[in-house]
Amino acid sequence: MVIKLLCMLFFSIGIARGTPTPKCPSEKICGNVGESKEVCILDENENCIRKYKSSCHMAIAGCRYPNLEFTDYSNEYCGMEGWICEEPPYERWTLFFGQEDELVTA
């Protein structure tokens, strides 16, 4: 009887803590990589492009942030500089300078 209670207590503590998070490897295992190895993904939650040094770095980010989905990635996304995710996110503004009559065409 006591053993059953101890087992139930042990399992309830384990459930209350949640599932353990996997230990992710360090980025050091990826080694030194050049810009030619960059991989970029479309972050559909933030509507921006996330850039990683290599597919190895992308895999480690996937381990650290399991909520990120890596469904659409391509090197071509890396050329879309205006859409790179910024940390912290900043709003994009377009400012026009000049006199009003210069902007209006006759």
PDB file of N, CA and C in Angstrom:
ATOM      1  N   MET A   1       0.821  -1.194   0.000  1.00  0.00           N
ATOM      2  CA  MET A   1       0.000   0.000   0.000  1.00  0.00           C
ATOM      3  C   MET A   1       0.865   1.258   0.000  1.00  0.00           C
ATOM      4  N   VAL A   2       1.872   1.268   0.859  1.00  0.00           N
ATOM      5  CA  VAL A   2       2.770   2.417   0.944  1.00  0.00           C
ATOM      6  C   VAL A   2       3.558   2.567  -0.351  1.00  0.00           C
ATOM      7  N   ILE A   3       3.937   1.445  -0.933  1.00  0.00           N
ATOM      8  CA  ILE A   3       4.695   1.483  -2.183  1.00  0.00           C
ATOM      9  C   ILE A   3       3.838   2.078  -3.294  1.00  0.00           C
ATOM     10  N   LYS A   4       2.552   1.725  -3.323  1.00  0.00           N
ATOM     11  CA  LYS A   4       1.658   2.280  -4.338  1.00  0.00           C
ATOM     12  C   LYS A   4       1.531   3.793  -4.180  1.00  0.00           C
ATOM     13  N   LEU A   5       1.418   4.245  -2.936  1.00  0.00           N
ATOM     14  CA  LEU A   5       1.311   5.689  -2.687  1.00  0.00           C
ATOM     15  C   LEU A   5       2.583   6.421  -3.108  1.00  0.00           C
ATOM     16  N   LEU A   6       3.733   5.824  -2.811  1.00  0.00           N
ATOM     17  CA  LEU A   6       5.003   6.441  -3.207  1.00  0.00           C
ATOM     18  C   LEU A   6       5.130   6.497  -4.727  1.00  0.00           C
ATOM     19  N   CYS A   7       4.716   5.439  -5.401  1.00  0.00           N
ATOM     20  CA  CYS A   7       4.772   5.430  -6.871  1.00  0.00           C
ATOM     21  C   CYS A   7       3.846   6.481  -7.453  1.00  0.00           C
ATOM     22  N   MET A   8       2.627   6.589  -6.899  1.00  0.00           N
ATOM     23  CA  MET A   8       1.691   7.598  -7.390  1.00  0.00           C
ATOM     24  C   MET A   8       2.228   9.002  -7.146  1.00  0.00           C
ATOM     25  N   LEU A   9       2.839   9.216  -5.988  1.00  0.00           N
ATOM     26  CA  LEU A   9       3.418  10.520  -5.674  1.00  0.00           C
ATOM     27  C   LEU A   9       4.563  10.837  -6.634  1.00  0.00           C
ATOM     28  N   PHE A  10       5.411   9.866  -6.902  1.00  0.00           N
ATOM     29  CA  PHE A  10       6.537  10.060  -7.812  1.00  0.00           C
ATOM     30  C   PHE A  10       6.056  10.420  -9.216  1.00  0.00           C
ATOM     31  N   PHE A  11       5.072   9.694  -9.731  1.00  0.00           N
ATOM     32  CA  PHE A  11       4.561   9.965 -11.076  1.00  0.00           C
ATOM     33  C   PHE A  11       3.802  11.284 -11.148  1.00  0.00           C
ATOM     34  N   SER A  12       3.086  11.638 -10.085  1.00  0.00           N
ATOM     35  CA  SER A  12       2.364  12.916 -10.108  1.00  0.00           C
ATOM     36  C   SER A  12       3.334  14.089 -10.093  1.00  0.00           C
ATOM     37  N   ILE A  13       4.448  13.962  -9.394  1.00  0.00           N
ATOM     38  CA  ILE A  13       5.469  15.021  -9.415  1.00  0.00           C
ATOM     39  C   ILE A  13       6.076  15.119 -10.809  1.00  0.00           C
ATOM     40  N   GLY A  14       6.332  13.986 -11.435  1.00  0.00           N
ATOM     41  CA  GLY A  14       6.876  13.988 -12.796  1.00  0.00           C
ATOM     42  C   GLY A  14       5.928  14.626 -13.787  1.00  0.00           C
ATOM     43  N   ILE A  15       4.649  14.370 -13.660  1.00  0.00           N
ATOM     44  CA  ILE A  15       3.661  14.962 -14.558  1.00  0.00           C
ATOM     45  C   ILE A  15       3.529  16.451 -14.298  1.00  0.00           C
ATOM     46  N   ALA A  16       3.571  16.859 -13.023  1.00  0.00           N
ATOM     47  CA  ALA A  16       3.444  18.279 -12.680  1.00  0.00           C
ATOM     48  C   ALA A  16       4.607  19.088 -13.243  1.00  0.00           C
ATOM     49  N   ARG A  17       5.773  18.500 -13.287  1.00  0.00           N
ATOM     50  CA  ARG A  17       6.939  19.206 -13.836  1.00  0.00           C
ATOM     51  C   ARG A  17       6.874  19.309 -15.349  1.00  0.00           C
ATOM     52  N   GLY A  18       6.128  18.459 -15.976  1.00  0.00           N
ATOM     53  CA  GLY A  18       6.047  18.463 -17.437  1.00  0.00           C
ATOM     54  C   GLY A  18       7.109  17.559 -18.028  1.00  0.00           C
ATOM     55  N   THR A  19       7.091  17.474 -19.321  1.00  0.00           N
ATOM     56  CA  THR A  19       8.081  16.641 -19.987  1.00  0.00           C
ATOM     57  C   THR A  19       9.413  17.373 -20.013  1.00  0.00           C
ATOM     58  N   PRO A  20      10.479  16.671 -19.820  1.00  0.00           N
ATOM     59  CA  PRO A  20      11.783  17.342 -19.828  1.00  0.00           C
ATOM     60  C   PRO A  20      12.120  17.853 -21.220  1.00  0.00           C
ATOM     61  N   THR A  21      12.766  19.013 -21.263  1.00  0.00           N
ATOM     62  CA  THR A  21      13.168  19.576 -22.547  1.00  0.00           C
ATOM     63  C   THR A  21      14.474  18.924 -22.988  1.00  0.00           C
ATOM     64  N   PRO A  22      14.608  18.625 -24.262  1.00  0.00           N
ATOM     65  CA  PRO A  22      15.842  17.987 -24.722  1.00  0.00           C
ATOM     66  C   PRO A  22      17.013  18.965 -24.648  1.00  0.00           C
ATOM     67  N   LYS A  23      18.173  18.431 -24.355  1.00  0.00           N
ATOM     68  CA  LYS A  23      19.359  19.277 -24.312  1.00  0.00           C
ATOM     69  C   LYS A  23      19.859  19.449 -25.742  1.00  0.00           C
ATOM     70  N   CYS A  24      19.946  20.698 -26.152  1.00  0.00           N
ATOM     71  CA  CYS A  24      20.351  21.001 -27.523  1.00  0.00           C
ATOM     72  C   CYS A  24      21.864  21.169 -27.597  1.00  0.00           C
ATOM     73  N   PRO A  25      22.462  20.778 -28.704  1.00  0.00           N
ATOM     74  CA  PRO A  25      23.912  20.928 -28.852  1.00  0.00           C
ATOM     75  C   PRO A  25      24.320  22.391 -28.986  1.00  0.00           C
ATOM     76  N   SER A  26      25.568  22.644 -28.746  1.00  0.00           N
ATOM     77  CA  SER A  26      26.126  23.986 -28.881  1.00  0.00           C
ATOM     78  C   SER A  26      26.370  24.299 -30.357  1.00  0.00           C
ATOM     79  N   GLU A  27      26.358  25.579 -30.690  1.00  0.00           N
ATOM     80  CA  GLU A  27      26.629  25.993 -32.071  1.00  0.00           C
ATOM     81  C   GLU A  27      28.083  25.748 -32.463  1.00  0.00           C
ATOM     82  N   LYS A  28      28.925  25.441 -31.497  1.00  0.00           N
ATOM     83  CA  LYS A  28      30.338  25.179 -31.783  1.00  0.00           C
ATOM     84  C   LYS A  28      30.519  23.952 -32.676  1.00  0.00           C
ATOM     85  N   ILE A  29      29.566  23.014 -32.621  1.00  0.00           N
ATOM     86  CA  ILE A  29      29.714  21.804 -33.441  1.00  0.00           C
ATOM     87  C   ILE A  29      29.564  22.106 -34.928  1.00  0.00           C
ATOM     88  N   CYS A  30      28.981  23.254 -35.255  1.00  0.00           N
ATOM     89  CA  CYS A  30      28.789  23.619 -36.663  1.00  0.00           C
ATOM     90  C   CYS A  30      30.081  24.104 -37.313  1.00  0.00           C
ATOM     91  N   GLY A  31      31.049  24.512 -36.505  1.00  0.00           N
ATOM     92  CA  GLY A  31      32.310  24.996 -37.040  1.00  0.00           C
ATOM     93  C   GLY A  31      32.184  26.366 -37.678  1.00  0.00           C
ATOM     94  N   ASN A  32      33.244  26.783 -38.349  1.00  0.00           N
ATOM     95  CA  ASN A  32      33.237  28.072 -39.045  1.00  0.00           C
ATOM     96  C   ASN A  32      32.638  27.880 -40.435  1.00  0.00           C
ATOM     97  N   VAL A  33      31.644  28.688 -40.733  1.00  0.00           N
ATOM     98  CA  VAL A  33      30.994  28.599 -42.041  1.00  0.00           C
ATOM     99  C   VAL A  33      30.989  29.968 -42.692  1.00  0.00           C
ATOM    100  N   GLY A  34      31.014  29.982 -44.008  1.00  0.00           N
ATOM    101  CA  GLY A  34      30.990  31.236 -44.757  1.00  0.00           C
ATOM    102  C   GLY A  34      29.578  31.625 -45.139  1.00  0.00           C
ATOM    103  N   GLU A  35      29.467  32.782 -45.774  1.00  0.00           N
ATOM    104  CA  GLU A  35      28.158  33.283 -46.181  1.00  0.00           C
ATOM    105  C   GLU A  35      27.504  32.396 -47.235  1.00  0.00           C
ATOM    106  N   SER A  36      28.288  31.623 -47.955  1.00  0.00           N
ATOM    107  CA  SER A  36      27.714  30.768 -49.003  1.00  0.00           C
ATOM    108  C   SER A  36      26.861  29.640 -48.424  1.00  0.00           C
ATOM    109  N   LYS A  37      27.013  29.351 -47.149  1.00  0.00           N
ATOM    110  CA  LYS A  37      26.255  28.278 -46.498  1.00  0.00           C
ATOM    111  C   LYS A  37      24.995  28.786 -45.800  1.00  0.00           C
ATOM    112  N   GLU A  38      24.687  30.089 -45.883  1.00  0.00           N
ATOM    113  CA  GLU A  38      23.527  30.648 -45.190  1.00  0.00           C
ATOM    114  C   GLU A  38      22.234  29.990 -45.648  1.00  0.00           C
ATOM    115  N   VAL A  39      21.333  29.803 -44.695  1.00  0.00           N
ATOM    116  CA  VAL A  39      20.008  29.262 -44.972  1.00  0.00           C
ATOM    117  C   VAL A  39      19.000  30.216 -44.353  1.00  0.00           C
ATOM    118  N   CYS A  40      17.963  30.546 -45.105  1.00  0.00           N
ATOM    119  CA  CYS A  40      16.933  31.456 -44.619  1.00  0.00           C
ATOM    120  C   CYS A  40      15.579  30.769 -44.687  1.00  0.00           C
ATOM    121  N   ILE A  41      14.754  31.033 -43.670  1.00  0.00           N
ATOM    122  CA  ILE A  41      13.422  30.430 -43.632  1.00  0.00           C
ATOM    123  C   ILE A  41      12.369  31.514 -43.502  1.00  0.00           C
ATOM    124  N   LEU A  42      11.191  31.199 -43.975  1.00  0.00           N
ATOM    125  CA  LEU A  42      10.049  32.088 -43.833  1.00  0.00           C
ATOM    126  C   LEU A  42       9.375  31.776 -42.512  1.00  0.00           C
ATOM    127  N   ASP A  43       9.340  32.764 -41.602  1.00  0.00           N
ATOM    128  CA  ASP A  43       8.649  32.623 -40.322  1.00  0.00           C
ATOM    129  C   ASP A  43       7.228  33.131 -40.522  1.00  0.00           C
ATOM    130  N   GLU A  44       6.294  32.208 -40.690  1.00  0.00           N
ATOM    131  CA  GLU A  44       4.918  32.593 -40.983  1.00  0.00           C
ATOM    132  C   GLU A  44       4.226  33.225 -39.782  1.00  0.00           C
ATOM    133  N   ASN A  45       4.707  32.950 -38.563  1.00  0.00           N
ATOM    134  CA  ASN A  45       4.112  33.568 -37.374  1.00  0.00           C
ATOM    135  C   ASN A  45       4.447  35.051 -37.295  1.00  0.00           C
ATOM    136  N   GLU A  46       5.669  35.420 -37.662  1.00  0.00           N
ATOM    137  CA  GLU A  46       6.125  36.810 -37.574  1.00  0.00           C
ATOM    138  C   GLU A  46       6.095  37.522 -38.924  1.00  0.00           C
ATOM    139  N   ASN A  47       5.834  36.795 -39.992  1.00  0.00           N
ATOM    140  CA  ASN A  47       5.836  37.345 -41.359  1.00  0.00           C
ATOM    141  C   ASN A  47       7.164  38.006 -41.705  1.00  0.00           C
ATOM    142  N   CYS A  48       8.235  37.302 -41.442  1.00  0.00           N
ATOM    143  CA  CYS A  48       9.561  37.811 -41.787  1.00  0.00           C
ATOM    144  C   CYS A  48      10.474  36.622 -42.085  1.00  0.00           C
ATOM    145  N   ILE A  49      11.687  36.920 -42.526  1.00  0.00           N
ATOM    146  CA  ILE A  49      12.665  35.900 -42.898  1.00  0.00           C
ATOM    147  C   ILE A  49      13.697  35.767 -41.782  1.00  0.00           C
ATOM    148  N   ARG A  50      13.947  34.542 -41.336  1.00  0.00           N
ATOM    149  CA  ARG A  50      14.991  34.281 -40.336  1.00  0.00           C
ATOM    150  C   ARG A  50      16.219  33.738 -41.057  1.00  0.00           C
ATOM    151  N   LYS A  51      17.367  34.309 -40.733  1.00  0.00           N
ATOM    152  CA  LYS A  51      18.618  33.942 -41.396  1.00  0.00           C
ATOM    153  C   LYS A  51      19.506  33.170 -40.419  1.00  0.00           C
ATOM    154  N   TYR A  52      20.039  32.036 -40.888  1.00  0.00           N
ATOM    155  CA  TYR A  52      20.950  31.218 -40.094  1.00  0.00           C
ATOM    156  C   TYR A  52      22.241  31.025 -40.879  1.00  0.00           C
ATOM    157  N   LYS A  53      23.349  30.873 -40.153  1.00  0.00           N
ATOM    158  CA  LYS A  53      24.660  30.747 -40.789  1.00  0.00           C
ATOM    159  C   LYS A  53      24.764  29.495 -41.652  1.00  0.00           C
ATOM    160  N   SER A  54      24.075  28.423 -41.248  1.00  0.00           N
ATOM    161  CA  SER A  54      24.116  27.168 -42.007  1.00  0.00           C
ATOM    162  C   SER A  54      22.911  26.320 -41.622  1.00  0.00           C
ATOM    163  N   SER A  55      22.749  25.200 -42.306  1.00  0.00           N
ATOM    164  CA  SER A  55      21.652  24.301 -41.952  1.00  0.00           C
ATOM    165  C   SER A  55      21.881  23.686 -40.572  1.00  0.00           C
ATOM    166  N   CYS A  56      23.140  23.575 -40.161  1.00  0.00           N
ATOM    167  CA  CYS A  56      23.460  23.089 -38.819  1.00  0.00           C
ATOM    168  C   CYS A  56      22.923  24.066 -37.772  1.00  0.00           C
ATOM    169  N   HIS A  57      23.165  25.367 -37.979  1.00  0.00           N
ATOM    170  CA  HIS A  57      22.657  26.382 -37.055  1.00  0.00           C
ATOM    171  C   HIS A  57      21.128  26.391 -37.042  1.00  0.00           C
ATOM    172  N   MET A  58      20.520  26.162 -38.200  1.00  0.00           N
ATOM    173  CA  MET A  58      19.067  26.119 -38.284  1.00  0.00           C
ATOM    174  C   MET A  58      18.519  24.933 -37.485  1.00  0.00           C
ATOM    175  N   ALA A  59      19.186  23.793 -37.553  1.00  0.00           N
ATOM    176  CA  ALA A  59      18.747  22.613 -36.810  1.00  0.00           C
ATOM    177  C   ALA A  59      18.841  22.845 -35.302  1.00  0.00           C
ATOM    178  N   ILE A  60      19.885  23.533 -34.862  1.00  0.00           N
ATOM    179  CA  ILE A  60      20.031  23.835 -33.436  1.00  0.00           C
ATOM    180  C   ILE A  60      18.939  24.800 -32.990  1.00  0.00           C
ATOM    181  N   ALA A  61      18.618  25.787 -33.818  1.00  0.00           N
ATOM    182  CA  ALA A  61      17.521  26.712 -33.491  1.00  0.00           C
ATOM    183  C   ALA A  61      16.203  25.956 -33.414  1.00  0.00           C
ATOM    184  N   GLY A  62      16.010  24.973 -34.276  1.00  0.00           N
ATOM    185  CA  GLY A  62      14.806  24.155 -34.226  1.00  0.00           C
ATOM    186  C   GLY A  62      14.710  23.359 -32.937  1.00  0.00           C
ATOM    187  N   CYS A  63      15.850  22.951 -32.415  1.00  0.00           N
ATOM    188  CA  CYS A  63      15.877  22.240 -31.137  1.00  0.00           C
ATOM    189  C   CYS A  63      15.560  23.193 -29.987  1.00  0.00           C
ATOM    190  N   ARG A  64      16.151  24.383 -30.016  1.00  0.00           N
ATOM    191  CA  ARG A  64      15.963  25.354 -28.927  1.00  0.00           C
ATOM    192  C   ARG A  64      14.570  25.968 -28.913  1.00  0.00           C
ATOM    193  N   TYR A  65      13.998  26.169 -30.084  1.00  0.00           N
ATOM    194  CA  TYR A  65      12.684  26.804 -30.202  1.00  0.00           C
ATOM    195  C   TYR A  65      11.748  25.863 -30.964  1.00  0.00           C
ATOM    196  N   PRO A  66      11.175  24.885 -30.276  1.00  0.00           N
ATOM    197  CA  PRO A  66      10.350  23.891 -30.972  1.00  0.00           C
ATOM    198  C   PRO A  66       9.079  24.468 -31.590  1.00  0.00           C
ATOM    199  N   ASN A  67       8.688  25.672 -31.217  1.00  0.00           N
ATOM    200  CA  ASN A  67       7.488  26.274 -31.807  1.00  0.00           C
ATOM    201  C   ASN A  67       7.732  26.801 -33.216  1.00  0.00           C
ATOM    202  N   LEU A  68       8.999  26.978 -33.594  1.00  0.00           N
ATOM    203  CA  LEU A  68       9.304  27.423 -34.953  1.00  0.00           C
ATOM    204  C   LEU A  68       9.063  26.276 -35.924  1.00  0.00           C
ATOM    205  N   GLU A  69       8.459  26.589 -37.035  1.00  0.00           N
ATOM    206  CA  GLU A  69       8.226  25.578 -38.057  1.00  0.00           C
ATOM    207  C   GLU A  69       9.136  25.865 -39.244  1.00  0.00           C
ATOM    208  N   PHE A  70       9.874  24.862 -39.662  1.00  0.00           N
ATOM    209  CA  PHE A  70      10.818  25.008 -40.759  1.00  0.00           C
ATOM    210  C   PHE A  70      10.263  24.354 -42.015  1.00  0.00           C
ATOM    211  N   THR A  71       9.101  24.794 -42.457  1.00  0.00           N
ATOM    212  CA  THR A  71       8.473  24.164 -43.611  1.00  0.00           C
ATOM    213  C   THR A  71       8.930  24.768 -44.926  1.00  0.00           C
ATOM    214  N   ASP A  72       9.312  26.030 -44.929  1.00  0.00           N
ATOM    215  CA  ASP A  72       9.640  26.713 -46.179  1.00  0.00           C
ATOM    216  C   ASP A  72      10.964  27.449 -46.013  1.00  0.00           C
ATOM    217  N   TYR A  73      12.053  26.838 -46.477  1.00  0.00           N
ATOM    218  CA  TYR A  73      13.348  27.507 -46.382  1.00  0.00           C
ATOM    219  C   TYR A  73      14.097  27.397 -47.701  1.00  0.00           C
ATOM    220  N   SER A  74      14.873  28.436 -47.966  1.00  0.00           N
ATOM    221  CA  SER A  74      15.599  28.491 -49.228  1.00  0.00           C
ATOM    222  C   SER A  74      16.702  29.533 -49.110  1.00  0.00           C
ATOM    223  N   ASN A  75      17.766  29.352 -49.870  1.00  0.00           N
ATOM    224  CA  ASN A  75      18.834  30.356 -49.897  1.00  0.00           C
ATOM    225  C   ASN A  75      18.365  31.637 -50.566  1.00  0.00           C
ATOM    226  N   GLU A  76      17.355  31.539 -51.417  1.00  0.00           N
ATOM    227  CA  GLU A  76      16.857  32.730 -52.112  1.00  0.00           C
ATOM    228  C   GLU A  76      16.206  33.722 -51.159  1.00  0.00           C
ATOM    229  N   TYR A  77      15.672  33.238 -50.043  1.00  0.00           N
ATOM    230  CA  TYR A  77      15.101  34.149 -49.052  1.00  0.00           C
ATOM    231  C   TYR A  77      16.161  35.076 -48.461  1.00  0.00           C
ATOM    232  N   CYS A  78      17.422  34.646 -48.451  1.00  0.00           N
ATOM    233  CA  CYS A  78      18.488  35.456 -47.855  1.00  0.00           C
ATOM    234  C   CYS A  78      18.686  36.771 -48.600  1.00  0.00           C
ATOM    235  N   GLY A  79      18.261  36.856 -49.844  1.00  0.00           N
ATOM    236  CA  GLY A  79      18.396  38.084 -50.612  1.00  0.00           C
ATOM    237  C   GLY A  79      17.314  39.107 -50.314  1.00  0.00           C
ATOM    238  N   MET A  80      16.350  38.754 -49.501  1.00  0.00           N
ATOM    239  CA  MET A  80      15.238  39.654 -49.192  1.00  0.00           C
ATOM    240  C   MET A  80      15.539  40.432 -47.911  1.00  0.00           C
ATOM    241  N   GLU A  81      16.547  41.299 -47.974  1.00  0.00           N
ATOM    242  CA  GLU A  81      17.045  42.015 -46.798  1.00  0.00           C
ATOM    243  C   GLU A  81      15.970  42.819 -46.073  1.00  0.00           C
ATOM    244  N   GLY A  82      15.008  43.355 -46.793  1.00  0.00           N
ATOM    245  CA  GLY A  82      13.976  44.169 -46.159  1.00  0.00           C
ATOM    246  C   GLY A  82      13.013  43.382 -45.298  1.00  0.00           C
ATOM    247  N   TRP A  83      13.059  42.063 -45.396  1.00  0.00           N
ATOM    248  CA  TRP A  83      12.121  41.226 -44.657  1.00  0.00           C
ATOM    249  C   TRP A  83      12.786  40.400 -43.567  1.00  0.00           C
ATOM    250  N   ILE A  84      14.075  40.629 -43.304  1.00  0.00           N
ATOM    251  CA  ILE A  84      14.783  39.879 -42.266  1.00  0.00           C
ATOM    252  C   ILE A  84      14.186  40.229 -40.900  1.00  0.00           C
ATOM    253  N   CYS A  85      13.941  39.206 -40.071  1.00  0.00           N
ATOM    254  CA  CYS A  85      13.397  39.429 -38.729  1.00  0.00           C
ATOM    255  C   CYS A  85      14.399  40.232 -37.911  1.00  0.00           C
ATOM    256  N   GLU A  86      13.902  41.198 -37.190  1.00  0.00           N
ATOM    257  CA  GLU A  86      14.757  42.034 -36.352  1.00  0.00           C
ATOM    258  C   GLU A  86      14.446  41.732 -34.897  1.00  0.00           C
ATOM    259  N   GLU A  87      15.476  41.710 -34.086  1.00  0.00           N
ATOM    260  CA  GLU A  87      15.304  41.460 -32.661  1.00  0.00           C
ATOM    261  C   GLU A  87      15.734  42.680 -31.887  1.00  0.00           C
ATOM    262  N   PRO A  88      14.937  43.348 -31.129  1.00  0.00           N
ATOM    263  CA  PRO A  88      13.486  43.224 -31.062  1.00  0.00           C
ATOM    264  C   PRO A  88      12.855  43.759 -32.336  1.00  0.00           C
ATOM    265  N   PRO A  89      11.619  43.343 -32.600  1.00  0.00           N
ATOM    266  CA  PRO A  89      10.985  43.799 -33.849  1.00  0.00           C
ATOM    267  C   PRO A  89      10.725  45.296 -33.847  1.00  0.00           C
ATOM    268  N   TYR A  90      11.070  45.930 -34.936  1.00  0.00           N
ATOM    269  CA  TYR A  90      10.842  47.360 -35.094  1.00  0.00           C
ATOM    270  C   TYR A  90       9.810  47.567 -36.191  1.00  0.00           C
ATOM    271  N   GLU A  91       9.046  48.629 -36.071  1.00  0.00           N
ATOM    272  CA  GLU A  91       8.099  48.950 -37.129  1.00  0.00           C
ATOM    273  C   GLU A  91       8.850  49.596 -38.279  1.00  0.00           C
ATOM    274  N   ARG A  92       8.414  49.319 -39.482  1.00  0.00           N
ATOM    275  CA  ARG A  92       9.039  49.918 -40.659  1.00  0.00           C
ATOM    276  C   ARG A  92       8.260  51.159 -41.046  1.00  0.00           C
ATOM    277  N   TRP A  93       8.984  52.239 -41.259  1.00  0.00           N
ATOM    278  CA  TRP A  93       8.364  53.510 -41.632  1.00  0.00           C
ATOM    279  C   TRP A  93       9.004  54.008 -42.911  1.00  0.00           C
ATOM    280  N   THR A  94       8.240  54.674 -43.721  1.00  0.00           N
ATOM    281  CA  THR A  94       8.764  55.325 -44.913  1.00  0.00           C
ATOM    282  C   THR A  94       8.556  56.813 -44.735  1.00  0.00           C
ATOM    283  N   LEU A  95       9.642  57.560 -44.793  1.00  0.00           N
ATOM    284  CA  LEU A  95       9.573  59.006 -44.618  1.00  0.00           C
ATOM    285  C   LEU A  95       9.897  59.690 -45.933  1.00  0.00           C
ATOM    286  N   PHE A  96       9.144  60.708 -46.249  1.00  0.00           N
ATOM    287  CA  PHE A  96       9.378  61.497 -47.447  1.00  0.00           C
ATOM    288  C   PHE A  96       9.826  62.888 -47.026  1.00  0.00           C
ATOM    289  N   PHE A  97      10.908  63.357 -47.606  1.00  0.00           N
ATOM    290  CA  PHE A  97      11.417  64.689 -47.311  1.00  0.00           C
ATOM    291  C   PHE A  97      11.271  65.557 -48.551  1.00  0.00           C
ATOM    292  N   GLY A  98      11.022  66.808 -48.344  1.00  0.00           N
ATOM    293  CA  GLY A  98      10.912  67.737 -49.466  1.00  0.00           C
ATOM    294  C   GLY A  98       9.711  68.644 -49.293  1.00  0.00           C
ATOM    295  N   GLN A  99       9.625  69.611 -50.162  1.00  0.00           N
ATOM    296  CA  GLN A  99       8.490  70.522 -50.107  1.00  0.00           C
ATOM    297  C   GLN A  99       7.296  69.876 -50.781  1.00  0.00           C
ATOM    298  N   GLU A 100       6.133  70.301 -50.356  1.00  0.00           N
ATOM    299  CA  GLU A 100       4.905  69.691 -50.857  1.00  0.00           C
ATOM    300  C   GLU A 100       4.730  69.901 -52.355  1.00  0.00           C
ATOM    301  N   ASP A 101       5.102  71.084 -52.859  1.00  0.00           N
ATOM    302  CA  ASP A 101       4.911  71.348 -54.285  1.00  0.00           C
ATOM    303  C   ASP A 101       5.847  70.511 -55.158  1.00  0.00           C
ATOM    304  N   GLU A 102       6.961  70.031 -54.592  1.00  0.00           N
ATOM    305  CA  GLU A 102       7.855  69.161 -55.351  1.00  0.00           C
ATOM    306  C   GLU A 102       7.237  67.779 -55.548  1.00  0.00           C
ATOM    307  N   LEU A 103       6.414  67.361 -54.604  1.00  0.00           N
ATOM    308  CA  LEU A 103       5.823  66.036 -54.670  1.00  0.00           C
ATOM    309  C   LEU A 103       4.584  65.999 -55.558  1.00  0.00           C
ATOM    310  N   VAL A 104       3.959  67.148 -55.770  1.00  0.00           N
ATOM    311  CA  VAL A 104       2.745  67.208 -56.574  1.00  0.00           C
ATOM    312  C   VAL A 104       3.135  67.542 -58.009  1.00  0.00           C
ATOM    313  N   THR A 105       2.671  66.734 -58.934  1.00  0.00           N
ATOM    314  CA  THR A 105       2.968  67.008 -60.344  1.00  0.00           C
ATOM    315  C   THR A 105       1.810  67.780 -60.957  1.00  0.00           C
ATOM    316  N   ALA A 106       2.119  68.664 -61.869  1.00  0.00           N
ATOM    317  CA  ALA A 106       1.087  69.517 -62.480  1.00  0.00           C
ATOM    318  C   ALA A 106       0.389  68.815 -63.606  1.00  0.00           C
TER     319      ALA A 106
END
